[in-house]
Amino acid sequence: MIKIKFYGLGGQGIVTAAKILSKAVSIHEGKYAITIPAYGHERRGAPVYTDIVIDDEKILLNCFVYDPDIVLVMDETIIEKNVDVSKGKKENTLLVINTDNTATLEKYRDSYGFRRIFYVDATKLAIQNIGRGIPNGAMLGALAGTGIVNIDSIELALKENFGVKAGDKNAKAARDSYQYVREF
C-alpha cells in the first residue's frame, strides 16, 4: 500500500490531479486506488490537500492519510501559510516538489527532515505546454519520475480526463516533467 498526500493552493488542480492519478493506476495499471479529497477550503489561493491510496489489492479503508509514503507539494510557498507538509511523515517518506530553487530544497530538507526529495519546475513546464501556470499535469509527470506510476499511464489518464487538445498539452507537460525531474 502506498499512501500519498498532495498539498497546494486552490486553483492548482490538486483534487483533479489526485483523481487522474487514481485513474492512471486503476484503469491503466490494474491496481486499486482511492482518492480522499478535503473539501471546504477550496477557495482560490487557499491551502488545499487531498490524499490518495494505491495498492495491488482492494482498498478497504476510506480515510485521510496520516502517515504518507509520498508527499507532493505543488506550491513551495505552502509552508508560508502555516501548513506542515511533514505531518505524519516517516523516515523514508519521499517529497516531490514543484521548485527549481536550491534554497527552497534545503529549507524543506533541513526544516522537515525529508531525506529524498524529487524536484522540477512544473509551473514553468505547465506555462510552456498549456499556456497557464496550473502545474497538476506536470507534477503527475514528476511523480512518475519517482517510479510509483508509469508515465504512459499518466499521459493516457490526462488525455482521457481533459480531451484531445487540452489532454495532449497536459500529457506533454507531464512527459517533460518526467524527463526533467531530479533528486536533490
C-alpha atoms as a PDB file:
ATOM      1  CA  MET A   1       0.000   0.000   0.000  1.00  0.00           C
ATOM      2  CA  ILE A   2       1.290   3.434  -0.974  1.00  0.00           C
ATOM      3  CA  LYS A   3      -0.152   6.439   0.832  1.00  0.00           C
ATOM      4  CA  ILE A   4       0.238   9.832  -0.824  1.00  0.00           C
ATOM      5  CA  LYS A   5      -0.617  13.348   0.312  1.00  0.00           C
ATOM      6  CA  PHE A   6      -0.910  16.216  -2.205  1.00  0.00           C
ATOM      7  CA  TYR A   7      -0.535  19.800  -0.952  1.00  0.00           C
ATOM      8  CA  GLY A   8      -1.058  23.004  -2.886  1.00  0.00           C
ATOM      9  CA  LEU A   9      -3.181  26.066  -3.287  1.00  0.00           C
ATOM     10  CA  GLY A  10      -6.751  26.283  -4.525  1.00  0.00           C
ATOM     11  CA  GLY A  11      -6.804  26.655  -8.309  1.00  0.00           C
ATOM     12  CA  GLN A  12      -3.750  24.485  -8.972  1.00  0.00           C
ATOM     13  CA  GLY A  13      -5.758  21.359  -9.708  1.00  0.00           C
ATOM     14  CA  ILE A  14      -4.877  19.392  -6.574  1.00  0.00           C
ATOM     15  CA  VAL A  15      -8.085  17.333  -6.432  1.00  0.00           C
ATOM     16  CA  THR A  16      -8.123  16.880 -10.211  1.00  0.00           C
ATOM     17  CA  ALA A  17      -4.538  15.601 -10.144  1.00  0.00           C
ATOM     18  CA  ALA A  18      -5.401  13.085  -7.431  1.00  0.00           C
ATOM     19  CA  LYS A  19      -8.360  11.787  -9.421  1.00  0.00           C
ATOM     20  CA  ILE A  20      -6.228  11.498 -12.567  1.00  0.00           C
ATOM     21  CA  LEU A  21      -3.551   9.591 -10.628  1.00  0.00           C
ATOM     22  CA  SER A  22      -6.214   7.229  -9.299  1.00  0.00           C
ATOM     23  CA  LYS A  23      -7.498   6.691 -12.832  1.00  0.00           C
ATOM     24  CA  ALA A  24      -3.977   6.130 -14.182  1.00  0.00           C
ATOM     25  CA  VAL A  25      -3.142   3.367 -11.712  1.00  0.00           C
ATOM     26  CA  SER A  26      -6.571   1.724 -11.503  1.00  0.00           C
ATOM     27  CA  ILE A  27      -7.500   1.682 -15.189  1.00  0.00           C
ATOM     28  CA  HIS A  28      -4.121   1.609 -16.921  1.00  0.00           C
ATOM     29  CA  GLU A  29      -2.055  -0.396 -14.438  1.00  0.00           C
ATOM     30  CA  GLY A  30      -4.633  -2.768 -12.985  1.00  0.00           C
ATOM     31  CA  LYS A  31      -4.101  -1.645  -9.398  1.00  0.00           C
ATOM     32  CA  TYR A  32      -6.551  -0.217  -6.902  1.00  0.00           C
ATOM     33  CA  ALA A  33      -6.706   3.425  -5.913  1.00  0.00           C
ATOM     34  CA  ILE A  34      -8.867   5.671  -3.802  1.00  0.00           C
ATOM     35  CA  THR A  35      -8.859   9.463  -3.649  1.00  0.00           C
ATOM     36  CA  ILE A  36      -9.894  11.210  -0.460  1.00  0.00           C
ATOM     37  CA  PRO A  37     -10.259  14.953  -1.146  1.00  0.00           C
ATOM     38  CA  ALA A  38     -10.503  17.533   1.628  1.00  0.00           C
ATOM     39  CA  TYR A  39     -13.270  19.952   0.690  1.00  0.00           C
ATOM     40  CA  GLY A  40     -14.484  23.035   2.482  1.00  0.00           C
ATOM     41  CA  HIS A  41     -11.495  25.294   1.916  1.00  0.00           C
ATOM     42  CA  GLU A  42     -11.211  25.224  -1.852  1.00  0.00           C
ATOM     43  CA  ARG A  43     -11.060  28.995  -2.288  1.00  0.00           C
ATOM     44  CA  ARG A  44      -8.532  30.035  -4.950  1.00  0.00           C
ATOM     45  CA  GLY A  45      -5.153  30.575  -3.290  1.00  0.00           C
ATOM     46  CA  ALA A  46      -6.083  28.888  -0.009  1.00  0.00           C
ATOM     47  CA  PRO A  47      -4.150  25.815   1.154  1.00  0.00           C
ATOM     48  CA  VAL A  48      -5.675  22.583  -0.169  1.00  0.00           C
ATOM     49  CA  TYR A  49      -4.764  18.943   0.290  1.00  0.00           C
ATOM     50  CA  THR A  50      -6.020  15.613  -0.907  1.00  0.00           C
ATOM     51  CA  ASP A  51      -4.992  12.047  -0.197  1.00  0.00           C
ATOM     52  CA  ILE A  52      -4.537   9.018  -2.441  1.00  0.00           C
ATOM     53  CA  VAL A  53      -4.051   5.394  -1.508  1.00  0.00           C
ATOM     54  CA  ILE A  54      -2.736   2.892  -4.067  1.00  0.00           C
ATOM     55  CA  ASP A  55      -2.463  -0.848  -3.633  1.00  0.00           C
ATOM     56  CA  ASP A  56      -2.255  -4.095  -5.594  1.00  0.00           C
ATOM     57  CA  GLU A  57      -5.218  -5.406  -3.591  1.00  0.00           C
ATOM     58  CA  LYS A  58      -8.659  -3.965  -2.855  1.00  0.00           C
ATOM     59  CA  ILE A  59      -8.508  -0.987  -0.530  1.00  0.00           C
ATOM     60  CA  LEU A  60     -10.839  -1.387   2.409  1.00  0.00           C
ATOM     61  CA  LEU A  61     -10.145   1.912   4.129  1.00  0.00           C
ATOM     62  CA  ASN A  62     -11.651   5.269   3.293  1.00  0.00           C
ATOM     63  CA  CYS A  63      -9.961   7.830   5.495  1.00  0.00           C
ATOM     64  CA  PHE A  64      -7.394  10.570   5.288  1.00  0.00           C
ATOM     65  CA  VAL A  65      -3.720   9.662   5.028  1.00  0.00           C
ATOM     66  CA  TYR A  66      -1.986  10.296   8.347  1.00  0.00           C
ATOM     67  CA  ASP A  67       1.362   8.632   7.602  1.00  0.00           C
ATOM     68  CA  PRO A  68       2.270   9.335   3.956  1.00  0.00           C
ATOM     69  CA  ASP A  69       4.856   7.434   1.969  1.00  0.00           C
ATOM     70  CA  ILE A  70       4.975  10.297  -0.520  1.00  0.00           C
ATOM     71  CA  VAL A  71       4.251  13.995  -0.071  1.00  0.00           C
ATOM     72  CA  LEU A  72       3.699  16.017  -3.240  1.00  0.00           C
ATOM     73  CA  VAL A  73       3.875  19.815  -2.966  1.00  0.00           C
ATOM     74  CA  MET A  74       2.526  21.789  -5.936  1.00  0.00           C
ATOM     75  CA  ASP A  75       3.408  25.185  -4.482  1.00  0.00           C
ATOM     76  CA  GLU A  76       6.589  25.692  -2.482  1.00  0.00           C
ATOM     77  CA  THR A  77       5.035  28.673  -0.633  1.00  0.00           C
ATOM     78  CA  ILE A  78       2.520  26.408   1.128  1.00  0.00           C
ATOM     79  CA  ILE A  79       4.768  26.403   4.210  1.00  0.00           C
ATOM     80  CA  GLU A  80       4.385  30.187   4.453  1.00  0.00           C
ATOM     81  CA  LYS A  81       0.677  29.551   5.092  1.00  0.00           C
ATOM     82  CA  ASN A  82       1.487  27.531   8.247  1.00  0.00           C
ATOM     83  CA  VAL A  83       0.897  24.162   6.601  1.00  0.00           C
ATOM     84  CA  ASP A  84       3.138  21.415   7.977  1.00  0.00           C
ATOM     85  CA  VAL A  85       3.720  19.197   4.955  1.00  0.00           C
ATOM     86  CA  SER A  86       5.804  16.827   7.079  1.00  0.00           C
ATOM     87  CA  LYS A  87       2.969  15.962   9.446  1.00  0.00           C
ATOM     88  CA  GLY A  88       2.947  12.187   9.914  1.00  0.00           C
ATOM     89  CA  LYS A  89       5.901  11.593   7.615  1.00  0.00           C
ATOM     90  CA  LYS A  90       8.037   8.552   8.197  1.00  0.00           C
ATOM     91  CA  GLU A  91      11.801   8.226   7.994  1.00  0.00           C
ATOM     92  CA  ASN A  92      11.654   7.178   4.330  1.00  0.00           C
ATOM     93  CA  THR A  93       8.828   9.447   3.111  1.00  0.00           C
ATOM     94  CA  LEU A  94       9.593  10.956  -0.301  1.00  0.00           C
ATOM     95  CA  LEU A  95       8.980  14.604  -1.115  1.00  0.00           C
ATOM     96  CA  VAL A  96       8.086  15.593  -4.683  1.00  0.00           C
ATOM     97  CA  ILE A  97       8.094  19.377  -5.021  1.00  0.00           C
ATOM     98  CA  ASN A  98       7.432  21.998  -7.671  1.00  0.00           C
ATOM     99  CA  THR A  99      10.554  24.177  -7.497  1.00  0.00           C
ATOM    100  CA  ASP A 100      13.973  24.681  -9.020  1.00  0.00           C
ATOM    101  CA  ASN A 101      15.234  26.804  -6.133  1.00  0.00           C
ATOM    102  CA  THR A 102      18.113  25.229  -4.177  1.00  0.00           C
ATOM    103  CA  ALA A 103      17.382  27.334  -1.074  1.00  0.00           C
ATOM    104  CA  THR A 104      13.806  26.034  -1.061  1.00  0.00           C
ATOM    105  CA  LEU A 105      15.017  22.447  -1.374  1.00  0.00           C
ATOM    106  CA  GLU A 106      17.425  22.950   1.516  1.00  0.00           C
ATOM    107  CA  LYS A 107      14.657  24.506   3.607  1.00  0.00           C
ATOM    108  CA  TYR A 108      12.346  21.537   3.068  1.00  0.00           C
ATOM    109  CA  ARG A 109      15.188  19.102   3.788  1.00  0.00           C
ATOM    110  CA  ASP A 110      16.523  20.898   6.855  1.00  0.00           C
ATOM    111  CA  SER A 111      13.219  22.094   8.357  1.00  0.00           C
ATOM    112  CA  TYR A 112      11.154  18.997   7.690  1.00  0.00           C
ATOM    113  CA  GLY A 113      13.744  16.222   7.519  1.00  0.00           C
ATOM    114  CA  PHE A 114      12.906  14.825   4.097  1.00  0.00           C
ATOM    115  CA  ARG A 115      15.837  12.647   3.089  1.00  0.00           C
ATOM    116  CA  ARG A 116      14.769  12.027  -0.505  1.00  0.00           C
ATOM    117  CA  ILE A 117      13.481  14.979  -2.481  1.00  0.00           C
ATOM    118  CA  PHE A 118      12.461  14.966  -6.140  1.00  0.00           C
ATOM    119  CA  TYR A 119      12.022  18.355  -7.761  1.00  0.00           C
ATOM    120  CA  VAL A 120      11.111  20.018 -11.038  1.00  0.00           C
ATOM    121  CA  ASP A 121       9.849  23.448 -12.099  1.00  0.00           C
ATOM    122  CA  ALA A 122       6.402  22.154 -13.000  1.00  0.00           C
ATOM    123  CA  THR A 123       4.864  25.616 -13.229  1.00  0.00           C
ATOM    124  CA  LYS A 124       7.373  26.607 -15.904  1.00  0.00           C
ATOM    125  CA  LEU A 125       6.641  23.417 -17.839  1.00  0.00           C
ATOM    126  CA  ALA A 126       2.897  23.976 -17.499  1.00  0.00           C
ATOM    127  CA  ILE A 127       3.219  27.511 -18.870  1.00  0.00           C
ATOM    128  CA  GLN A 128       5.344  26.258 -21.768  1.00  0.00           C
ATOM    129  CA  ASN A 129       2.934  23.458 -22.650  1.00  0.00           C
ATOM    130  CA  ILE A 130      -0.576  24.504 -21.667  1.00  0.00           C
ATOM    131  CA  GLY A 131      -0.124  28.272 -21.533  1.00  0.00           C
ATOM    132  CA  ARG A 132      -1.212  28.521 -17.885  1.00  0.00           C
ATOM    133  CA  GLY A 133       0.572  28.143 -14.561  1.00  0.00           C
ATOM    134  CA  ILE A 134      -1.524  25.162 -13.453  1.00  0.00           C
ATOM    135  CA  PRO A 135       1.071  22.503 -12.588  1.00  0.00           C
ATOM    136  CA  ASN A 136      -1.122  19.470 -11.859  1.00  0.00           C
ATOM    137  CA  GLY A 137      -0.349  17.507 -15.051  1.00  0.00           C
ATOM    138  CA  ALA A 138       3.341  18.352 -14.874  1.00  0.00           C
ATOM    139  CA  MET A 139       3.519  17.280 -11.222  1.00  0.00           C
ATOM    140  CA  LEU A 140       1.975  13.931 -12.107  1.00  0.00           C
ATOM    141  CA  GLY A 141       4.875  13.519 -14.536  1.00  0.00           C
ATOM    142  CA  ALA A 142       7.293  14.290 -11.705  1.00  0.00           C
ATOM    143  CA  LEU A 143       5.535  11.687  -9.565  1.00  0.00           C
ATOM    144  CA  ALA A 144       6.029   9.171 -12.376  1.00  0.00           C
ATOM    145  CA  GLY A 145       9.713  10.045 -12.211  1.00  0.00           C
ATOM    146  CA  THR A 146       9.835   8.512  -8.723  1.00  0.00           C
ATOM    147  CA  GLY A 147       8.766   5.160 -10.169  1.00  0.00           C
ATOM    148  CA  ILE A 148       5.404   4.695  -8.426  1.00  0.00           C
ATOM    149  CA  VAL A 149       3.374   5.109 -11.612  1.00  0.00           C
ATOM    150  CA  ASN A 150       4.191   4.688 -15.282  1.00  0.00           C
ATOM    151  CA  ILE A 151       4.419   7.898 -17.327  1.00  0.00           C
ATOM    152  CA  ASP A 152       2.418   6.277 -20.137  1.00  0.00           C
ATOM    153  CA  SER A 153      -0.446   5.655 -17.692  1.00  0.00           C
ATOM    154  CA  ILE A 154      -0.336   9.296 -16.588  1.00  0.00           C
ATOM    155  CA  GLU A 155      -0.413  10.520 -20.188  1.00  0.00           C
ATOM    156  CA  LEU A 156      -3.381   8.316 -21.060  1.00  0.00           C
ATOM    157  CA  ALA A 157      -5.328   9.393 -17.979  1.00  0.00           C
ATOM    158  CA  LEU A 158      -4.620  13.083 -18.694  1.00  0.00           C
ATOM    159  CA  LYS A 159      -5.857  12.717 -22.272  1.00  0.00           C
ATOM    160  CA  GLU A 160      -8.982  10.898 -21.111  1.00  0.00           C
ATOM    161  CA  ASN A 161      -9.697  13.500 -18.458  1.00  0.00           C
ATOM    162  CA  PHE A 162      -9.062  16.661 -20.476  1.00  0.00           C
ATOM    163  CA  GLY A 163      -9.961  15.572 -24.009  1.00  0.00           C
ATOM    164  CA  VAL A 164      -7.843  15.758 -27.135  1.00  0.00           C
ATOM    165  CA  LYS A 165      -6.475  19.307 -27.227  1.00  0.00           C
ATOM    166  CA  ALA A 166      -6.011  20.072 -23.517  1.00  0.00           C
ATOM    167  CA  GLY A 167      -5.176  16.429 -22.808  1.00  0.00           C
ATOM    168  CA  ASP A 168      -2.342  16.394 -25.324  1.00  0.00           C
ATOM    169  CA  LYS A 169      -0.902  19.601 -23.867  1.00  0.00           C
ATOM    170  CA  ASN A 170      -1.113  18.304 -20.292  1.00  0.00           C
ATOM    171  CA  ALA A 171       0.385  14.966 -21.350  1.00  0.00           C
ATOM    172  CA  LYS A 172       3.297  16.839 -22.938  1.00  0.00           C
ATOM    173  CA  ALA A 173       3.788  18.832 -19.704  1.00  0.00           C
ATOM    174  CA  ALA A 174       3.781  15.554 -17.755  1.00  0.00           C
ATOM    175  CA  ARG A 175       6.288  13.920 -20.127  1.00  0.00           C
ATOM    176  CA  ASP A 176       8.593  16.953 -19.957  1.00  0.00           C
ATOM    177  CA  SER A 177       8.388  16.962 -16.161  1.00  0.00           C
ATOM    178  CA  TYR A 178       9.090  13.225 -16.084  1.00  0.00           C
ATOM    179  CA  GLN A 179      12.226  13.844 -18.154  1.00  0.00           C
ATOM    180  CA  TYR A 180      13.424  16.836 -16.112  1.00  0.00           C
ATOM    181  CA  VAL A 181      12.663  15.692 -12.556  1.00  0.00           C
ATOM    182  CA  ARG A 182      15.802  15.358 -10.445  1.00  0.00           C
ATOM    183  CA  GLU A 183      16.641  14.074  -6.998  1.00  0.00           C
ATOM    184  CA  PHE A 184      18.148  16.551  -4.545  1.00  0.00           C
END
